[in-house]
Amino acid sequence: MFNAILQVIRFEGRRTRTNGRVGIWLALAAFPSLLMILLQAQARQTIPNEPLALMAFYLVVEVGCMLGLLLWATPAIGSELEAQTWIYLALRPHGKTATLIGKYVIATAWTASAGLVSAAGVAFFSRHPDPRTLAAALMALVLLSSVCYAALYVLIGVVFSARATVVAVVYTLLFEGVLSSIPATINKFTVCYRLRAILAEWVELDEVRTAIKELFGYEPVWQHMAYLALYTTIVLTITLVVVRYKEFPVNTDA
């Protein structure tokens, strides 16, 4: 099993190093920094530290990482179905599991690497009084975000293989966008809420921490991270079960 996963990772790593993918990687790495430069250029006065840190968080962790994972994680199974190679992978020993985990690792690596570069750039151009702390926090959150959201988008790609990207976009807008901002218990089940709470602790966003504590009480950083680890484990387990037993429609016509 482990050797099969390594083979998939090596193969996908070589196959995805194309000019188009490298171009997308460069765009994702530079896009948040460019937006931060434009925001600072158009601002008529100095942006307060807390809104500035939150803007950096959403540009890098939410927008940048999610765009990358929509491109790399969501079509993990759909691309094999379109290329009519899934049936051959499914017949190999541990082929389904190895393919899924290998593609998950590659999607996470591509997205996280671009996110780390964009985190450093956004922190540098943000004019934050402590750019090193902001950059370190954003980089850590990029890793957490990539691991968690990659698992979610791969699950969506497995369950909704025909319209995976559309479903992923709708889910992201409704749950990670709208519900994560609603001051109700339901937003605690979103990844965005946990990441934002961790940012508030690491960068000392007093207003955000106060609002969270008044609504839900105090939760330490380790508890948020434990939730994200449990969330990722459960989502990946469900994905592996679904991909093992689901019958995917494969067009074998010439």
Foldseek 3Di string as FASTA:
>chain_A
DVVLLVVLLVVVVVVQPDPVNVVVLVCLLCVLLVVLLVVVVPDPDQDDQLVLLVSLLCSQQPVSLLVLLLVQQQLLPLVCQVVLNVVVQLPDVCSLVSSNSSSLVVSLVSSLVSSLSNLLSSLVSSPRPCSVLSSVLSSVSNNLSSLQVSLVSNLLCLVVVPPSSVVSVVCCCPLVNPVCPDLDPSVLLDLNVLSVCLSCVSVVVPVVQVSCCVRPRDDDNVVSVVSSVVSSVVSNVVSVVSSNPPDDDHDPDD
